[in-house]
Amino acid sequence: MQCLVIYDIPNDAVRTKLGEICLDYGLLRIQYSSFLGELSYSRQNELLAKLTRRLGKREGNIQMYPLCDKDIKLRKVVLVVAEVVIEADGKKAKVKVKGTKKDG
């Protein structure tokens, strides 16, 4: 089952650690504090418990949404990229991309 995890955490260090935990669980970062990926129900519970422990008593909001495949297929994505920076061998090249990507 697909799982969407979003959070709003004011503390930079905690926010960074939560992102690392989500990535460790194989989730894909779809926005700065939003992650999506395939997790079983038990792994979802395990992840939420780990995120909750890491947050502790600090201010924050963590939300997890299990999503069925039907709902994922209905997802709409709009992605506008203004500039892409590619770095190879220590040299940077900027590529301007025009247009909008729509998925769904």
PDB file of N, CA and C in Angstrom:
ATOM      1  N   MET A   1       0.840  -1.174   0.000  1.00  0.00           N
ATOM      2  CA  MET A   1       0.000   0.000   0.000  1.00  0.00           C
ATOM      3  C   MET A   1       0.888   1.242   0.000  1.00  0.00           C
ATOM      4  N   GLN A   2       0.514   2.208  -0.822  1.00  0.00           N
ATOM      5  CA  GLN A   2       1.245   3.478  -0.859  1.00  0.00           C
ATOM      6  C   GLN A   2       0.953   4.274   0.417  1.00  0.00           C
ATOM      7  N   CYS A   3       1.902   5.089   0.798  1.00  0.00           N
ATOM      8  CA  CYS A   3       1.780   5.864   2.025  1.00  0.00           C
ATOM      9  C   CYS A   3       2.346   7.261   1.781  1.00  0.00           C
ATOM     10  N   LEU A   4       1.591   8.265   2.164  1.00  0.00           N
ATOM     11  CA  LEU A   4       2.029   9.655   2.076  1.00  0.00           C
ATOM     12  C   LEU A   4       2.329  10.144   3.483  1.00  0.00           C
ATOM     13  N   VAL A   5       3.532  10.671   3.685  1.00  0.00           N
ATOM     14  CA  VAL A   5       3.925  11.241   4.978  1.00  0.00           C
ATOM     15  C   VAL A   5       4.235  12.712   4.749  1.00  0.00           C
ATOM     16  N   ILE A   6       3.589  13.559   5.538  1.00  0.00           N
ATOM     17  CA  ILE A   6       3.868  14.995   5.484  1.00  0.00           C
ATOM     18  C   ILE A   6       4.111  15.484   6.902  1.00  0.00           C
ATOM     19  N   TYR A   7       4.922  16.518   7.014  1.00  0.00           N
ATOM     20  CA  TYR A   7       5.153  17.073   8.346  1.00  0.00           C
ATOM     21  C   TYR A   7       5.510  18.542   8.263  1.00  0.00           C
ATOM     22  N   ASP A   8       5.250  19.221   9.363  1.00  0.00           N
ATOM     23  CA  ASP A   8       5.600  20.630   9.534  1.00  0.00           C
ATOM     24  C   ASP A   8       6.329  20.721  10.866  1.00  0.00           C
ATOM     25  N   ILE A   9       7.628  20.873  10.809  1.00  0.00           N
ATOM     26  CA  ILE A   9       8.479  20.858  12.000  1.00  0.00           C
ATOM     27  C   ILE A   9       9.335  22.120  12.003  1.00  0.00           C
ATOM     28  N   PRO A  10       9.175  23.007  12.994  1.00  0.00           N
ATOM     29  CA  PRO A  10       9.971  24.241  13.031  1.00  0.00           C
ATOM     30  C   PRO A  10      11.468  24.019  13.278  1.00  0.00           C
ATOM     31  N   ASN A  11      11.831  22.988  14.029  1.00  0.00           N
ATOM     32  CA  ASN A  11      13.225  22.733  14.387  1.00  0.00           C
ATOM     33  C   ASN A  11      13.966  22.108  13.203  1.00  0.00           C
ATOM     34  N   ASP A  12      14.983  22.804  12.690  1.00  0.00           N
ATOM     35  CA  ASP A  12      15.716  22.344  11.502  1.00  0.00           C
ATOM     36  C   ASP A  12      16.332  20.956  11.678  1.00  0.00           C
ATOM     37  N   ALA A  13      16.982  20.726  12.809  1.00  0.00           N
ATOM     38  CA  ALA A  13      17.665  19.449  13.032  1.00  0.00           C
ATOM     39  C   ALA A  13      16.667  18.292  13.069  1.00  0.00           C
ATOM     40  N   VAL A  14      15.554  18.498  13.747  1.00  0.00           N
ATOM     41  CA  VAL A  14      14.526  17.451  13.834  1.00  0.00           C
ATOM     42  C   VAL A  14      13.908  17.216  12.462  1.00  0.00           C
ATOM     43  N   ARG A  15      13.614  18.293  11.752  1.00  0.00           N
ATOM     44  CA  ARG A  15      13.019  18.180  10.411  1.00  0.00           C
ATOM     45  C   ARG A  15      13.953  17.398   9.478  1.00  0.00           C
ATOM     46  N   THR A  16      15.237  17.697   9.535  1.00  0.00           N
ATOM     47  CA  THR A  16      16.216  16.985   8.715  1.00  0.00           C
ATOM     48  C   THR A  16      16.256  15.506   9.073  1.00  0.00           C
ATOM     49  N   LYS A  17      16.247  15.200  10.356  1.00  0.00           N
ATOM     50  CA  LYS A  17      16.301  13.802  10.803  1.00  0.00           C
ATOM     51  C   LYS A  17      15.054  13.042  10.364  1.00  0.00           C
ATOM     52  N   LEU A  18      13.884  13.679  10.434  1.00  0.00           N
ATOM     53  CA  LEU A  18      12.659  13.006   9.997  1.00  0.00           C
ATOM     54  C   LEU A  18      12.746  12.665   8.512  1.00  0.00           C
ATOM     55  N   GLY A  19      13.298  13.580   7.726  1.00  0.00           N
ATOM     56  CA  GLY A  19      13.481  13.311   6.301  1.00  0.00           C
ATOM     57  C   GLY A  19      14.398  12.125   6.070  1.00  0.00           C
ATOM     58  N   GLU A  20      15.481  12.051   6.821  1.00  0.00           N
ATOM     59  CA  GLU A  20      16.416  10.928   6.695  1.00  0.00           C
ATOM     60  C   GLU A  20      15.739   9.606   7.041  1.00  0.00           C
ATOM     61  N   ILE A  21      14.904   9.627   8.073  1.00  0.00           N
ATOM     62  CA  ILE A  21      14.187   8.410   8.472  1.00  0.00           C
ATOM     63  C   ILE A  21      13.246   7.966   7.354  1.00  0.00           C
ATOM     64  N   CYS A  22      12.504   8.908   6.783  1.00  0.00           N
ATOM     65  CA  CYS A  22      11.590   8.567   5.681  1.00  0.00           C
ATOM     66  C   CYS A  22      12.359   7.981   4.501  1.00  0.00           C
ATOM     67  N   LEU A  23      13.490   8.564   4.174  1.00  0.00           N
ATOM     68  CA  LEU A  23      14.315   8.040   3.083  1.00  0.00           C
ATOM     69  C   LEU A  23      14.838   6.642   3.416  1.00  0.00           C
ATOM     70  N   ASP A  24      15.202   6.415   4.680  1.00  0.00           N
ATOM     71  CA  ASP A  24      15.669   5.094   5.110  1.00  0.00           C
ATOM     72  C   ASP A  24      14.592   4.028   4.927  1.00  0.00           C
ATOM     73  N   TYR A  25      13.331   4.424   4.991  1.00  0.00           N
ATOM     74  CA  TYR A  25      12.215   3.499   4.799  1.00  0.00           C
ATOM     75  C   TYR A  25      11.864   3.338   3.319  1.00  0.00           C
ATOM     76  N   GLY A  26      12.653   3.947   2.453  1.00  0.00           N
ATOM     77  CA  GLY A  26      12.443   3.787   1.025  1.00  0.00           C
ATOM     78  C   GLY A  26      11.431   4.732   0.414  1.00  0.00           C
ATOM     79  N   LEU A  27      11.015   5.744   1.176  1.00  0.00           N
ATOM     80  CA  LEU A  27      10.056   6.700   0.636  1.00  0.00           C
ATOM     81  C   LEU A  27      10.769   7.689  -0.272  1.00  0.00           C
ATOM     82  N   LEU A  28      10.050   8.210  -1.230  1.00  0.00           N
ATOM     83  CA  LEU A  28      10.568   9.181  -2.183  1.00  0.00           C
ATOM     84  C   LEU A  28      10.153  10.579  -1.736  1.00  0.00           C
ATOM     85  N   ARG A  29      11.106  11.502  -1.683  1.00  0.00           N
ATOM     86  CA  ARG A  29      10.779  12.881  -1.317  1.00  0.00           C
ATOM     87  C   ARG A  29      10.073  13.519  -2.510  1.00  0.00           C
ATOM     88  N   ILE A  30       8.803  13.919  -2.315  1.00  0.00           N
ATOM     89  CA  ILE A  30       8.055  14.552  -3.399  1.00  0.00           C
ATOM     90  C   ILE A  30       7.958  16.060  -3.215  1.00  0.00           C
ATOM     91  N   GLN A  31       8.172  16.530  -2.016  1.00  0.00           N
ATOM     92  CA  GLN A  31       8.337  17.943  -1.698  1.00  0.00           C
ATOM     93  C   GLN A  31       9.252  17.993  -0.485  1.00  0.00           C
ATOM     94  N   TYR A  32       9.594  19.198  -0.030  1.00  0.00           N
ATOM     95  CA  TYR A  32      10.591  19.311   1.027  1.00  0.00           C
ATOM     96  C   TYR A  32      10.245  18.476   2.261  1.00  0.00           C
ATOM     97  N   SER A  33       9.008  18.527   2.713  1.00  0.00           N
ATOM     98  CA  SER A  33       8.595  17.770   3.901  1.00  0.00           C
ATOM     99  C   SER A  33       7.461  16.812   3.575  1.00  0.00           C
ATOM    100  N   SER A  34       7.505  16.225   2.390  1.00  0.00           N
ATOM    101  CA  SER A  34       6.483  15.275   1.938  1.00  0.00           C
ATOM    102  C   SER A  34       7.160  14.078   1.285  1.00  0.00           C
ATOM    103  N   PHE A  35       6.714  12.891   1.666  1.00  0.00           N
ATOM    104  CA  PHE A  35       7.314  11.654   1.176  1.00  0.00           C
ATOM    105  C   PHE A  35       6.222  10.677   0.770  1.00  0.00           C
ATOM    106  N   LEU A  36       6.497   9.887  -0.259  1.00  0.00           N
ATOM    107  CA  LEU A  36       5.528   8.923  -0.771  1.00  0.00           C
ATOM    108  C   LEU A  36       6.251   7.626  -1.093  1.00  0.00           C
ATOM    109  N   GLY A  37       5.601   6.508  -0.772  1.00  0.00           N
ATOM    110  CA  GLY A  37       6.205   5.227  -1.120  1.00  0.00           C
ATOM    111  C   GLY A  37       5.381   4.055  -0.653  1.00  0.00           C
ATOM    112  N   GLU A  38       5.840   2.886  -1.052  1.00  0.00           N
ATOM    113  CA  GLU A  38       5.173   1.623  -0.732  1.00  0.00           C
ATOM    114  C   GLU A  38       5.614   1.154   0.652  1.00  0.00           C
ATOM    115  N   LEU A  39       4.650   1.002   1.559  1.00  0.00           N
ATOM    116  CA  LEU A  39       4.928   0.475   2.900  1.00  0.00           C
ATOM    117  C   LEU A  39       3.770  -0.410   3.334  1.00  0.00           C
ATOM    118  N   SER A  40       4.079  -1.559   3.893  1.00  0.00           N
ATOM    119  CA  SER A  40       3.030  -2.407   4.456  1.00  0.00           C
ATOM    120  C   SER A  40       2.410  -1.688   5.657  1.00  0.00           C
ATOM    121  N   TYR A  41       1.264  -2.178   6.076  1.00  0.00           N
ATOM    122  CA  TYR A  41       0.580  -1.569   7.220  1.00  0.00           C
ATOM    123  C   TYR A  41       1.476  -1.589   8.459  1.00  0.00           C
ATOM    124  N   SER A  42       2.169  -2.708   8.686  1.00  0.00           N
ATOM    125  CA  SER A  42       3.033  -2.793   9.872  1.00  0.00           C
ATOM    126  C   SER A  42       4.227  -1.845   9.757  1.00  0.00           C
ATOM    127  N   ARG A  43       4.791  -1.689   8.539  1.00  0.00           N
ATOM    128  CA  ARG A  43       5.904  -0.742   8.351  1.00  0.00           C
ATOM    129  C   ARG A  43       5.430   0.701   8.510  1.00  0.00           C
ATOM    130  N   GLN A  44       4.185   0.987   8.119  1.00  0.00           N
ATOM    131  CA  GLN A  44       3.633   2.327   8.334  1.00  0.00           C
ATOM    132  C   GLN A  44       3.578   2.632   9.827  1.00  0.00           C
ATOM    133  N   ASN A  45       3.078   1.679  10.600  1.00  0.00           N
ATOM    134  CA  ASN A  45       2.995   1.876  12.052  1.00  0.00           C
ATOM    135  C   ASN A  45       4.381   2.029  12.672  1.00  0.00           C
ATOM    136  N   GLU A  46       5.322   1.227  12.200  1.00  0.00           N
ATOM    137  CA  GLU A  46       6.701   1.301  12.692  1.00  0.00           C
ATOM    138  C   GLU A  46       7.317   2.667  12.379  1.00  0.00           C
ATOM    139  N   LEU A  47       7.118   3.133  11.148  1.00  0.00           N
ATOM    140  CA  LEU A  47       7.655   4.435  10.740  1.00  0.00           C
ATOM    141  C   LEU A  47       7.038   5.561  11.560  1.00  0.00           C
ATOM    142  N   LEU A  48       5.725   5.542  11.715  1.00  0.00           N
ATOM    143  CA  LEU A  48       5.063   6.602  12.479  1.00  0.00           C
ATOM    144  C   LEU A  48       5.555   6.619  13.924  1.00  0.00           C
ATOM    145  N   ALA A  49       5.748   5.450  14.512  1.00  0.00           N
ATOM    146  CA  ALA A  49       6.268   5.382  15.884  1.00  0.00           C
ATOM    147  C   ALA A  49       7.676   5.976  15.957  1.00  0.00           C
ATOM    148  N   LYS A  50       8.509   5.668  14.962  1.00  0.00           N
ATOM    149  CA  LYS A  50       9.881   6.183  14.947  1.00  0.00           C
ATOM    150  C   LYS A  50       9.891   7.704  14.775  1.00  0.00           C
ATOM    151  N   LEU A  51       9.049   8.214  13.874  1.00  0.00           N
ATOM    152  CA  LEU A  51       8.964   9.662  13.666  1.00  0.00           C
ATOM    153  C   LEU A  51       8.462  10.365  14.926  1.00  0.00           C
ATOM    154  N   THR A  52       7.478   9.759  15.570  1.00  0.00           N
ATOM    155  CA  THR A  52       6.909  10.330  16.797  1.00  0.00           C
ATOM    156  C   THR A  52       7.949  10.376  17.910  1.00  0.00           C
ATOM    157  N   ARG A  53       8.717   9.300  18.049  1.00  0.00           N
ATOM    158  CA  ARG A  53       9.786   9.281  19.064  1.00  0.00           C
ATOM    159  C   ARG A  53      10.819  10.362  18.785  1.00  0.00           C
ATOM    160  N   ARG A  54      11.195  10.519  17.517  1.00  0.00           N
ATOM    161  CA  ARG A  54      12.207  11.523  17.162  1.00  0.00           C
ATOM    162  C   ARG A  54      11.692  12.929  17.439  1.00  0.00           C
ATOM    163  N   LEU A  55      10.418  13.177  17.169  1.00  0.00           N
ATOM    164  CA  LEU A  55       9.838  14.499  17.444  1.00  0.00           C
ATOM    165  C   LEU A  55       9.823  14.770  18.945  1.00  0.00           C
ATOM    166  N   GLY A  56       9.511  13.741  19.721  1.00  0.00           N
ATOM    167  CA  GLY A  56       9.464  13.895  21.173  1.00  0.00           C
ATOM    168  C   GLY A  56       8.424  14.915  21.586  1.00  0.00           C
ATOM    169  N   LYS A  57       8.803  15.815  22.485  1.00  0.00           N
ATOM    170  CA  LYS A  57       7.871  16.833  22.982  1.00  0.00           C
ATOM    171  C   LYS A  57       8.050  18.162  22.273  1.00  0.00           C
ATOM    172  N   ARG A  58       8.837  18.157  21.200  1.00  0.00           N
ATOM    173  CA  ARG A  58       9.054  19.389  20.444  1.00  0.00           C
ATOM    174  C   ARG A  58       7.823  19.705  19.610  1.00  0.00           C
ATOM    175  N   GLU A  59       7.695  20.968  19.258  1.00  0.00           N
ATOM    176  CA  GLU A  59       6.575  21.406  18.439  1.00  0.00           C
ATOM    177  C   GLU A  59       6.650  20.763  17.058  1.00  0.00           C
ATOM    178  N   GLY A  60       5.511  20.325  16.550  1.00  0.00           N
ATOM    179  CA  GLY A  60       5.497  19.755  15.208  1.00  0.00           C
ATOM    180  C   GLY A  60       4.188  19.071  14.881  1.00  0.00           C
ATOM    181  N   ASN A  61       4.015  18.768  13.604  1.00  0.00           N
ATOM    182  CA  ASN A  61       2.815  18.127  13.096  1.00  0.00           C
ATOM    183  C   ASN A  61       3.255  17.085  12.071  1.00  0.00           C
ATOM    184  N   ILE A  62       3.000  15.822  12.363  1.00  0.00           N
ATOM    185  CA  ILE A  62       3.320  14.723  11.447  1.00  0.00           C
ATOM    186  C   ILE A  62       2.005  14.060  11.059  1.00  0.00           C
ATOM    187  N   GLN A  63       1.815  13.843   9.751  1.00  0.00           N
ATOM    188  CA  GLN A  63       0.601  13.175   9.285  1.00  0.00           C
ATOM    189  C   GLN A  63       0.977  12.071   8.310  1.00  0.00           C
ATOM    190  N   MET A  64       0.252  10.957   8.399  1.00  0.00           N
ATOM    191  CA  MET A  64       0.481   9.822   7.511  1.00  0.00           C
ATOM    192  C   MET A  64      -0.854   9.423   6.891  1.00  0.00           C
ATOM    193  N   TYR A  65      -0.843   9.265   5.569  1.00  0.00           N
ATOM    194  CA  TYR A  65      -2.051   8.903   4.835  1.00  0.00           C
ATOM    195  C   TYR A  65      -1.800   7.625   4.039  1.00  0.00           C
ATOM    196  N   PRO A  66      -2.429   6.511   4.418  1.00  0.00           N
ATOM    197  CA  PRO A  66      -2.363   5.320   3.574  1.00  0.00           C
ATOM    198  C   PRO A  66      -3.211   5.577   2.320  1.00  0.00           C
ATOM    199  N   LEU A  67      -2.689   5.200   1.162  1.00  0.00           N
ATOM    200  CA  LEU A  67      -3.390   5.443  -0.095  1.00  0.00           C
ATOM    201  C   LEU A  67      -3.469   4.147  -0.893  1.00  0.00           C
ATOM    202  N   CYS A  68      -4.663   3.836  -1.367  1.00  0.00           N
ATOM    203  CA  CYS A  68      -4.811   2.634  -2.186  1.00  0.00           C
ATOM    204  C   CYS A  68      -4.321   2.920  -3.607  1.00  0.00           C
ATOM    205  N   ASP A  69      -4.035   1.862  -4.344  1.00  0.00           N
ATOM    206  CA  ASP A  69      -3.520   2.009  -5.708  1.00  0.00           C
ATOM    207  C   ASP A  69      -4.479   2.801  -6.593  1.00  0.00           C
ATOM    208  N   LYS A  70      -5.767   2.626  -6.378  1.00  0.00           N
ATOM    209  CA  LYS A  70      -6.767   3.357  -7.166  1.00  0.00           C
ATOM    210  C   LYS A  70      -6.589   4.862  -6.981  1.00  0.00           C
ATOM    211  N   ASP A  71      -6.410   5.291  -5.747  1.00  0.00           N
ATOM    212  CA  ASP A  71      -6.229   6.719  -5.474  1.00  0.00           C
ATOM    213  C   ASP A  71      -4.912   7.239  -6.043  1.00  0.00           C
ATOM    214  N   ILE A  72      -3.859   6.447  -5.960  1.00  0.00           N
ATOM    215  CA  ILE A  72      -2.561   6.857  -6.509  1.00  0.00           C
ATOM    216  C   ILE A  72      -2.667   7.075  -8.011  1.00  0.00           C
ATOM    217  N   LYS A  73      -3.415   6.214  -8.699  1.00  0.00           N
ATOM    218  CA  LYS A  73      -3.578   6.354 -10.148  1.00  0.00           C
ATOM    219  C   LYS A  73      -4.338   7.620 -10.518  1.00  0.00           C
ATOM    220  N   LEU A  74      -5.127   8.155  -9.590  1.00  0.00           N
ATOM    221  CA  LEU A  74      -5.886   9.385  -9.837  1.00  0.00           C
ATOM    222  C   LEU A  74      -5.087  10.643  -9.505  1.00  0.00           C
ATOM    223  N   ARG A  75      -3.897  10.468  -9.019  1.00  0.00           N
ATOM    224  CA  ARG A  75      -3.048  11.595  -8.616  1.00  0.00           C
ATOM    225  C   ARG A  75      -2.770  12.515  -9.799  1.00  0.00           C
ATOM    226  N   LYS A  76      -2.766  13.799  -9.532  1.00  0.00           N
ATOM    227  CA  LYS A  76      -2.426  14.822 -10.520  1.00  0.00           C
ATOM    228  C   LYS A  76      -1.164  15.523 -10.041  1.00  0.00           C
ATOM    229  N   VAL A  77      -0.230  15.763 -10.946  1.00  0.00           N
ATOM    230  CA  VAL A  77       1.024  16.428 -10.608  1.00  0.00           C
ATOM    231  C   VAL A  77       1.266  17.545 -11.599  1.00  0.00           C
ATOM    232  N   VAL A  78       1.585  18.725 -11.095  1.00  0.00           N
ATOM    233  CA  VAL A  78       2.034  19.836 -11.926  1.00  0.00           C
ATOM    234  C   VAL A  78       3.428  20.191 -11.440  1.00  0.00           C
ATOM    235  N   LEU A  79       4.396  20.149 -12.338  1.00  0.00           N
ATOM    236  CA  LEU A  79       5.781  20.433 -11.985  1.00  0.00           C
ATOM    237  C   LEU A  79       6.323  21.470 -12.953  1.00  0.00           C
ATOM    238  N   VAL A  80       6.712  22.611 -12.424  1.00  0.00           N
ATOM    239  CA  VAL A  80       7.312  23.664 -13.235  1.00  0.00           C
ATOM    240  C   VAL A  80       8.755  23.811 -12.781  1.00  0.00           C
ATOM    241  N   VAL A  81       9.671  23.628 -13.687  1.00  0.00           N
ATOM    242  CA  VAL A  81      11.092  23.723 -13.371  1.00  0.00           C
ATOM    243  C   VAL A  81      11.660  24.908 -14.125  1.00  0.00           C
ATOM    244  N   ALA A  82      12.242  25.849 -13.396  1.00  0.00           N
ATOM    245  CA  ALA A  82      12.786  27.053 -14.018  1.00  0.00           C
ATOM    246  C   ALA A  82      14.235  26.858 -14.441  1.00  0.00           C
ATOM    247  N   GLU A  83      15.002  26.135 -13.623  1.00  0.00           N
ATOM    248  CA  GLU A  83      16.419  25.988 -13.917  1.00  0.00           C
ATOM    249  C   GLU A  83      16.934  24.714 -13.267  1.00  0.00           C
ATOM    250  N   VAL A  84      17.758  24.004 -13.971  1.00  0.00           N
ATOM    251  CA  VAL A  84      18.374  22.793 -13.450  1.00  0.00           C
ATOM    252  C   VAL A  84      19.879  23.013 -13.438  1.00  0.00           C
ATOM    253  N   VAL A  85      20.520  22.690 -12.333  1.00  0.00           N
ATOM    254  CA  VAL A  85      21.976  22.811 -12.252  1.00  0.00           C
ATOM    255  C   VAL A  85      22.561  21.406 -12.256  1.00  0.00           C
ATOM    256  N   ILE A  86      23.418  21.147 -13.209  1.00  0.00           N
ATOM    257  CA  ILE A  86      24.069  19.849 -13.335  1.00  0.00           C
ATOM    258  C   ILE A  86      25.545  20.046 -13.014  1.00  0.00           C
ATOM    259  N   GLU A  87      26.076  19.201 -12.139  1.00  0.00           N
ATOM    260  CA  GLU A  87      27.488  19.320 -11.779  1.00  0.00           C
ATOM    261  C   GLU A  87      28.199  18.016 -12.102  1.00  0.00           C
ATOM    262  N   ALA A  88      29.280  18.123 -12.839  1.00  0.00           N
ATOM    263  CA  ALA A  88      30.093  16.956 -13.171  1.00  0.00           C
ATOM    264  C   ALA A  88      31.555  17.368 -13.137  1.00  0.00           C
ATOM    265  N   ASP A  89      32.344  16.588 -12.483  1.00  0.00           N
ATOM    266  CA  ASP A  89      33.779  16.864 -12.378  1.00  0.00           C
ATOM    267  C   ASP A  89      34.057  18.260 -11.839  1.00  0.00           C
ATOM    268  N   GLY A  90      33.243  18.714 -10.897  1.00  0.00           N
ATOM    269  CA  GLY A  90      33.462  20.018 -10.281  1.00  0.00           C
ATOM    270  C   GLY A  90      33.026  21.199 -11.116  1.00  0.00           C
ATOM    271  N   LYS A  91      32.491  20.960 -12.303  1.00  0.00           N
ATOM    272  CA  LYS A  91      32.035  22.050 -13.165  1.00  0.00           C
ATOM    273  C   LYS A  91      30.515  22.064 -13.188  1.00  0.00           C
ATOM    274  N   LYS A  92      29.948  23.254 -13.070  1.00  0.00           N
ATOM    275  CA  LYS A  92      28.495  23.387 -13.073  1.00  0.00           C
ATOM    276  C   LYS A  92      28.014  23.881 -14.426  1.00  0.00           C
ATOM    277  N   ALA A  93      26.900  23.341 -14.845  1.00  0.00           N
ATOM    278  CA  ALA A  93      26.258  23.797 -16.080  1.00  0.00           C
ATOM    279  C   ALA A  93      24.792  24.050 -15.766  1.00  0.00           C
ATOM    280  N   LYS A  94      24.304  25.212 -16.133  1.00  0.00           N
ATOM    281  CA  LYS A  94      22.896  25.532 -15.906  1.00  0.00           C
ATOM    282  C   LYS A  94      22.120  25.275 -17.187  1.00  0.00           C
ATOM    283  N   VAL A  95      20.996  24.622 -17.028  1.00  0.00           N
ATOM    284  CA  VAL A  95      20.134  24.320 -18.157  1.00  0.00           C
ATOM    285  C   VAL A  95      18.780  24.941 -17.867  1.00  0.00           C
ATOM    286  N   LYS A  96      18.319  25.801 -18.730  1.00  0.00           N
ATOM    287  CA  LYS A  96      17.006  26.403 -18.546  1.00  0.00           C
ATOM    288  C   LYS A  96      15.973  25.503 -19.202  1.00  0.00           C
ATOM    289  N   VAL A  97      14.938  25.223 -18.467  1.00  0.00           N
ATOM    290  CA  VAL A  97      13.873  24.356 -18.956  1.00  0.00           C
ATOM    291  C   VAL A  97      12.608  25.177 -19.046  1.00  0.00           C
ATOM    292  N   LYS A  98      11.979  25.142 -20.186  1.00  0.00           N
ATOM    293  CA  LYS A  98      10.731  25.870 -20.358  1.00  0.00           C
ATOM    294  C   LYS A  98       9.596  24.872 -20.390  1.00  0.00           C
ATOM    295  N   GLY A  99       8.473  25.292 -19.854  1.00  0.00           N
ATOM    296  CA  GLY A  99       7.301  24.439 -19.924  1.00  0.00           C
ATOM    297  C   GLY A  99       6.903  23.893 -18.574  1.00  0.00           C
ATOM    298  N   THR A 100       5.855  23.155 -18.598  1.00  0.00           N
ATOM    299  CA  THR A 100       5.262  22.585 -17.406  1.00  0.00           C
ATOM    300  C   THR A 100       5.047  21.104 -17.639  1.00  0.00           C
ATOM    301  N   LYS A 101       5.334  20.308 -16.639  1.00  0.00           N
ATOM    302  CA  LYS A 101       5.063  18.880 -16.727  1.00  0.00           C
ATOM    303  C   LYS A 101       3.786  18.598 -15.964  1.00  0.00           C
ATOM    304  N   LYS A 102       2.862  17.964 -16.615  1.00  0.00           N
ATOM    305  CA  LYS A 102       1.628  17.541 -15.961  1.00  0.00           C
ATOM    306  C   LYS A 102       1.575  16.034 -16.019  1.00  0.00           C
ATOM    307  N   ASP A 103       1.315  15.415 -14.896  1.00  0.00           N
ATOM    308  CA  ASP A 103       1.243  13.961 -14.812  1.00  0.00           C
ATOM    309  C   ASP A 103      -0.128  13.593 -14.291  1.00  0.00           C
ATOM    310  N   GLY A 104      -0.795  12.730 -14.953  1.00  0.00           N
ATOM    311  CA  GLY A 104      -2.066  12.273 -14.423  1.00  0.00           C
ATOM    312  C   GLY A 104      -3.179  12.337 -15.372  1.00  0.00           C
TER     313      GLY A 104
END
